[in-house]
Amino acid sequence: MSTIYHITTKEWWQEALERRSYAPPSLKEEGFIHCCEAQQVEGVLERYYKNKKHLLKLEIDTDLLSSEHIFEWSPSTADTFPHIYGPINLEAVKSVEEL
């Protein structure tokens, strides 16, 4: 099992539970869902979610994803991040942690 993480809001997660699939705005706007590995979570929170409230961290089992995921280079951080090219099926979400 390979694990990646995605930061979201309680509102978007609640919508996913109702729809039985998670598809945040970035999927439509950019064509993929931004994710990270465990050691990248803190940096992602600092860069993109500073002073935001009601956040959740989704733990995703990539073996259970129905959408393709690819690790891609990010020149802005000089690191490689996982991107999911489609909605996240809820069965792939192994845990949800409040931040």
N, C-alpha and C. Protein backbone atom coordinates (compact mmCIF):
# COMPACT_ATOMS: atom_id res chain seq x y z
N MET A 1 0.85 -1.20 0.00
CA MET A 1 0.00 0.00 0.00
C MET A 1 0.88 1.24 0.00
N SER A 2 0.57 2.15 -0.86
CA SER A 2 1.23 3.45 -0.90
C SER A 2 0.22 4.48 -0.41
N THR A 3 0.69 5.38 0.44
CA THR A 3 -0.21 6.37 1.04
C THR A 3 0.20 7.77 0.62
N ILE A 4 -0.79 8.57 0.21
CA ILE A 4 -0.60 9.99 -0.05
C ILE A 4 -1.67 10.74 0.72
N TYR A 5 -1.53 12.06 0.77
CA TYR A 5 -2.43 12.89 1.57
C TYR A 5 -2.98 14.05 0.75
N HIS A 6 -4.17 14.46 1.13
CA HIS A 6 -4.80 15.62 0.50
C HIS A 6 -5.42 16.47 1.60
N ILE A 7 -5.21 17.79 1.51
CA ILE A 7 -5.80 18.73 2.46
C ILE A 7 -7.07 19.29 1.84
N THR A 8 -8.12 19.31 2.64
CA THR A 8 -9.40 19.82 2.15
C THR A 8 -10.13 20.54 3.28
N THR A 9 -11.30 21.04 2.96
CA THR A 9 -12.13 21.69 3.98
C THR A 9 -13.23 20.72 4.41
N LYS A 10 -13.78 20.99 5.56
CA LYS A 10 -14.90 20.17 6.04
C LYS A 10 -16.07 20.27 5.06
N GLU A 11 -16.27 21.45 4.50
CA GLU A 11 -17.38 21.67 3.56
C GLU A 11 -17.22 20.79 2.32
N TRP A 12 -16.04 20.78 1.72
CA TRP A 12 -15.83 19.97 0.51
C TRP A 12 -15.92 18.49 0.83
N TRP A 13 -15.45 18.08 2.02
CA TRP A 13 -15.52 16.67 2.39
C TRP A 13 -16.97 16.25 2.61
N GLN A 14 -17.76 17.11 3.24
CA GLN A 14 -19.17 16.80 3.45
C GLN A 14 -19.88 16.62 2.12
N GLU A 15 -19.55 17.47 1.16
CA GLU A 15 -20.13 17.35 -0.18
C GLU A 15 -19.73 16.02 -0.82
N ALA A 16 -18.49 15.61 -0.61
CA ALA A 16 -18.02 14.33 -1.16
C ALA A 16 -18.79 13.16 -0.55
N LEU A 17 -19.05 13.22 0.73
CA LEU A 17 -19.80 12.15 1.39
C LEU A 17 -21.21 12.04 0.81
N GLU A 18 -21.80 13.18 0.50
CA GLU A 18 -23.15 13.18 -0.08
C GLU A 18 -23.13 12.66 -1.51
N ARG A 19 -22.09 12.98 -2.28
CA ARG A 19 -21.99 12.56 -3.68
C ARG A 19 -21.38 11.18 -3.85
N ARG A 20 -20.72 10.68 -2.79
CA ARG A 20 -20.02 9.39 -2.78
C ARG A 20 -18.75 9.42 -3.65
N SER A 21 -18.22 10.64 -3.88
CA SER A 21 -17.00 10.82 -4.65
C SER A 21 -16.46 12.21 -4.34
N TYR A 22 -15.13 12.34 -4.28
CA TYR A 22 -14.52 13.61 -3.94
C TYR A 22 -13.91 14.26 -5.18
N ALA A 23 -14.41 15.44 -5.53
CA ALA A 23 -13.92 16.17 -6.71
C ALA A 23 -13.87 17.66 -6.36
N PRO A 24 -12.76 18.13 -5.78
CA PRO A 24 -12.65 19.54 -5.41
C PRO A 24 -12.54 20.44 -6.63
N PRO A 25 -12.65 21.75 -6.44
CA PRO A 25 -12.57 22.68 -7.56
C PRO A 25 -11.30 22.54 -8.41
N SER A 26 -10.18 22.17 -7.80
CA SER A 26 -8.93 22.06 -8.57
C SER A 26 -9.03 21.02 -9.68
N LEU A 27 -9.87 20.01 -9.50
CA LEU A 27 -10.01 18.99 -10.53
C LEU A 27 -10.55 19.60 -11.82
N LYS A 28 -11.55 20.45 -11.69
CA LYS A 28 -12.13 21.11 -12.86
C LYS A 28 -11.21 22.23 -13.37
N GLU A 29 -10.64 22.99 -12.44
CA GLU A 29 -9.83 24.16 -12.82
C GLU A 29 -8.46 23.78 -13.38
N GLU A 30 -7.82 22.75 -12.80
CA GLU A 30 -6.46 22.40 -13.20
C GLU A 30 -6.34 21.01 -13.83
N GLY A 31 -7.39 20.21 -13.70
CA GLY A 31 -7.38 18.88 -14.30
C GLY A 31 -6.88 17.78 -13.38
N PHE A 32 -6.54 18.12 -12.14
CA PHE A 32 -6.07 17.12 -11.19
C PHE A 32 -6.30 17.60 -9.76
N ILE A 33 -6.14 16.67 -8.82
CA ILE A 33 -6.26 16.97 -7.39
C ILE A 33 -4.85 16.97 -6.80
N HIS A 34 -4.49 18.05 -6.14
CA HIS A 34 -3.18 18.18 -5.50
C HIS A 34 -3.10 17.28 -4.28
N CYS A 35 -2.00 16.53 -4.16
CA CYS A 35 -1.76 15.70 -2.98
C CYS A 35 -0.31 15.87 -2.57
N CYS A 36 0.06 15.19 -1.50
CA CYS A 36 1.44 15.24 -1.03
C CYS A 36 1.76 13.97 -0.26
N GLU A 37 3.04 13.79 0.02
CA GLU A 37 3.48 12.68 0.84
C GLU A 37 3.57 13.16 2.28
N ALA A 38 3.72 12.24 3.21
CA ALA A 38 3.70 12.57 4.65
C ALA A 38 4.68 13.68 4.99
N GLN A 39 5.90 13.60 4.48
CA GLN A 39 6.92 14.59 4.83
C GLN A 39 6.66 15.95 4.19
N GLN A 40 5.69 16.05 3.29
CA GLN A 40 5.38 17.31 2.61
C GLN A 40 4.17 18.03 3.21
N VAL A 41 3.43 17.36 4.08
CA VAL A 41 2.18 17.92 4.61
C VAL A 41 2.42 19.26 5.30
N GLU A 42 3.40 19.32 6.18
CA GLU A 42 3.66 20.55 6.93
C GLU A 42 3.96 21.73 6.00
N GLY A 43 4.78 21.52 4.98
CA GLY A 43 5.09 22.58 4.03
C GLY A 43 3.87 23.02 3.23
N VAL A 44 3.04 22.07 2.83
CA VAL A 44 1.81 22.39 2.10
C VAL A 44 0.88 23.24 2.97
N LEU A 45 0.74 22.86 4.22
CA LEU A 45 -0.10 23.64 5.13
C LEU A 45 0.44 25.06 5.29
N GLU A 46 1.73 25.18 5.44
CA GLU A 46 2.35 26.50 5.62
C GLU A 46 2.20 27.37 4.37
N ARG A 47 2.42 26.79 3.19
CA ARG A 47 2.37 27.56 1.94
C ARG A 47 0.96 27.95 1.51
N TYR A 48 0.02 27.02 1.64
CA TYR A 48 -1.30 27.22 1.02
C TYR A 48 -2.48 27.36 1.97
N TYR A 49 -2.29 26.98 3.23
CA TYR A 49 -3.43 26.95 4.15
C TYR A 49 -3.20 27.72 5.44
N LYS A 50 -2.18 28.56 5.47
CA LYS A 50 -1.87 29.33 6.67
C LYS A 50 -3.08 30.18 7.07
N ASN A 51 -3.43 30.11 8.34
CA ASN A 51 -4.55 30.86 8.92
C ASN A 51 -5.92 30.40 8.42
N LYS A 52 -5.99 29.26 7.76
CA LYS A 52 -7.30 28.72 7.34
C LYS A 52 -7.81 27.80 8.44
N LYS A 53 -9.12 27.72 8.56
CA LYS A 53 -9.74 26.90 9.59
C LYS A 53 -10.60 25.81 8.96
N HIS A 54 -11.00 24.86 9.78
CA HIS A 54 -11.90 23.78 9.36
C HIS A 54 -11.28 22.91 8.27
N LEU A 55 -10.00 22.60 8.46
CA LEU A 55 -9.29 21.78 7.48
C LEU A 55 -9.25 20.32 7.91
N LEU A 56 -9.18 19.46 6.91
CA LEU A 56 -9.06 18.02 7.12
C LEU A 56 -7.90 17.48 6.30
N LYS A 57 -7.28 16.44 6.79
CA LYS A 57 -6.24 15.74 6.03
C LYS A 57 -6.77 14.36 5.69
N LEU A 58 -6.88 14.08 4.38
CA LEU A 58 -7.34 12.78 3.92
C LEU A 58 -6.13 11.88 3.70
N GLU A 59 -6.17 10.69 4.26
CA GLU A 59 -5.15 9.68 4.01
C GLU A 59 -5.68 8.77 2.91
N ILE A 60 -4.96 8.68 1.81
CA ILE A 60 -5.44 7.99 0.61
C ILE A 60 -4.54 6.80 0.29
N ASP A 61 -5.16 5.63 0.13
CA ASP A 61 -4.45 4.42 -0.28
C ASP A 61 -4.45 4.41 -1.81
N THR A 62 -3.29 4.62 -2.41
CA THR A 62 -3.22 4.71 -3.87
C THR A 62 -3.56 3.39 -4.56
N ASP A 63 -3.41 2.28 -3.86
CA ASP A 63 -3.78 0.98 -4.45
C ASP A 63 -5.28 0.87 -4.67
N LEU A 64 -6.06 1.66 -3.93
CA LEU A 64 -7.52 1.59 -4.02
C LEU A 64 -8.13 2.69 -4.88
N LEU A 65 -7.30 3.61 -5.37
CA LEU A 65 -7.81 4.70 -6.21
C LEU A 65 -8.34 4.17 -7.54
N SER A 66 -9.49 4.70 -7.94
CA SER A 66 -10.02 4.34 -9.26
C SER A 66 -9.51 5.31 -10.34
N SER A 67 -9.00 6.46 -9.93
CA SER A 67 -8.41 7.44 -10.86
C SER A 67 -6.90 7.30 -10.86
N GLU A 68 -6.30 7.67 -11.97
CA GLU A 68 -4.84 7.60 -12.10
C GLU A 68 -4.17 8.65 -11.22
N HIS A 69 -3.04 8.28 -10.62
CA HIS A 69 -2.23 9.25 -9.90
C HIS A 69 -0.81 9.21 -10.45
N ILE A 70 -0.20 10.39 -10.53
CA ILE A 70 1.14 10.53 -11.10
C ILE A 70 1.94 11.47 -10.20
N PHE A 71 3.19 11.12 -9.97
CA PHE A 71 4.10 12.01 -9.25
C PHE A 71 4.73 12.95 -10.27
N GLU A 72 4.58 14.27 -10.02
CA GLU A 72 5.06 15.25 -10.98
C GLU A 72 5.89 16.33 -10.28
N TRP A 73 6.83 16.85 -11.03
CA TRP A 73 7.75 17.86 -10.54
C TRP A 73 7.05 19.21 -10.38
N SER A 74 7.34 19.88 -9.26
CA SER A 74 6.83 21.22 -9.01
C SER A 74 8.02 22.18 -8.96
N PRO A 75 8.20 22.99 -9.99
CA PRO A 75 9.35 23.90 -9.99
C PRO A 75 9.30 24.93 -8.87
N SER A 76 8.11 25.30 -8.40
CA SER A 76 8.00 26.31 -7.35
C SER A 76 8.57 25.84 -6.01
N THR A 77 8.56 24.52 -5.79
CA THR A 77 9.10 23.99 -4.53
C THR A 77 10.30 23.08 -4.75
N ALA A 78 10.64 22.84 -6.01
CA ALA A 78 11.75 21.93 -6.36
C ALA A 78 11.56 20.57 -5.70
N ASP A 79 10.36 20.01 -5.88
CA ASP A 79 10.03 18.72 -5.30
C ASP A 79 8.99 18.03 -6.19
N THR A 80 8.80 16.75 -5.97
CA THR A 80 7.82 15.97 -6.72
C THR A 80 6.60 15.72 -5.84
N PHE A 81 5.42 15.94 -6.40
CA PHE A 81 4.17 15.77 -5.67
C PHE A 81 3.22 14.85 -6.42
N PRO A 82 2.40 14.08 -5.69
CA PRO A 82 1.40 13.24 -6.35
C PRO A 82 0.18 14.06 -6.76
N HIS A 83 -0.28 13.81 -7.97
CA HIS A 83 -1.51 14.43 -8.48
C HIS A 83 -2.46 13.32 -8.90
N ILE A 84 -3.73 13.49 -8.58
CA ILE A 84 -4.75 12.51 -8.94
C ILE A 84 -5.58 13.08 -10.09
N TYR A 85 -5.61 12.35 -11.21
CA TYR A 85 -6.28 12.82 -12.43
C TYR A 85 -7.68 12.24 -12.54
N GLY A 86 -8.52 12.66 -11.63
CA GLY A 86 -9.91 12.24 -11.61
C GLY A 86 -10.42 12.32 -10.19
N PRO A 87 -11.70 12.05 -9.98
CA PRO A 87 -12.25 12.10 -8.63
C PRO A 87 -11.65 11.02 -7.75
N ILE A 88 -11.70 11.25 -6.45
CA ILE A 88 -11.24 10.26 -5.48
C ILE A 88 -12.45 9.45 -5.03
N ASN A 89 -12.40 8.15 -5.28
CA ASN A 89 -13.46 7.28 -4.78
C ASN A 89 -13.29 7.14 -3.26
N LEU A 90 -14.38 7.18 -2.53
CA LEU A 90 -14.32 7.22 -1.07
C LEU A 90 -13.67 5.98 -0.46
N GLU A 91 -13.72 4.86 -1.15
CA GLU A 91 -13.10 3.64 -0.64
C GLU A 91 -11.58 3.78 -0.50
N ALA A 92 -10.99 4.69 -1.26
CA ALA A 92 -9.54 4.90 -1.20
C ALA A 92 -9.11 5.76 -0.02
N VAL A 93 -10.07 6.46 0.61
CA VAL A 93 -9.76 7.31 1.75
C VAL A 93 -9.77 6.45 3.01
N LYS A 94 -8.59 6.25 3.58
CA LYS A 94 -8.44 5.34 4.72
C LYS A 94 -8.71 6.04 6.05
N SER A 95 -8.44 7.35 6.13
CA SER A 95 -8.75 8.09 7.36
C SER A 95 -8.90 9.56 7.03
N VAL A 96 -9.59 10.25 7.93
CA VAL A 96 -9.80 11.70 7.82
C VAL A 96 -9.44 12.30 9.17
N GLU A 97 -8.48 13.21 9.15
CA GLU A 97 -8.00 13.82 10.40
C GLU A 97 -8.26 15.31 10.40
N GLU A 98 -8.82 15.81 11.49
CA GLU A 98 -9.01 17.26 11.62
C GLU A 98 -7.67 17.92 11.90
N LEU A 99 -7.45 19.06 11.28
CA LEU A 99 -6.19 19.81 11.48
C LEU A 99 -6.45 21.09 12.26
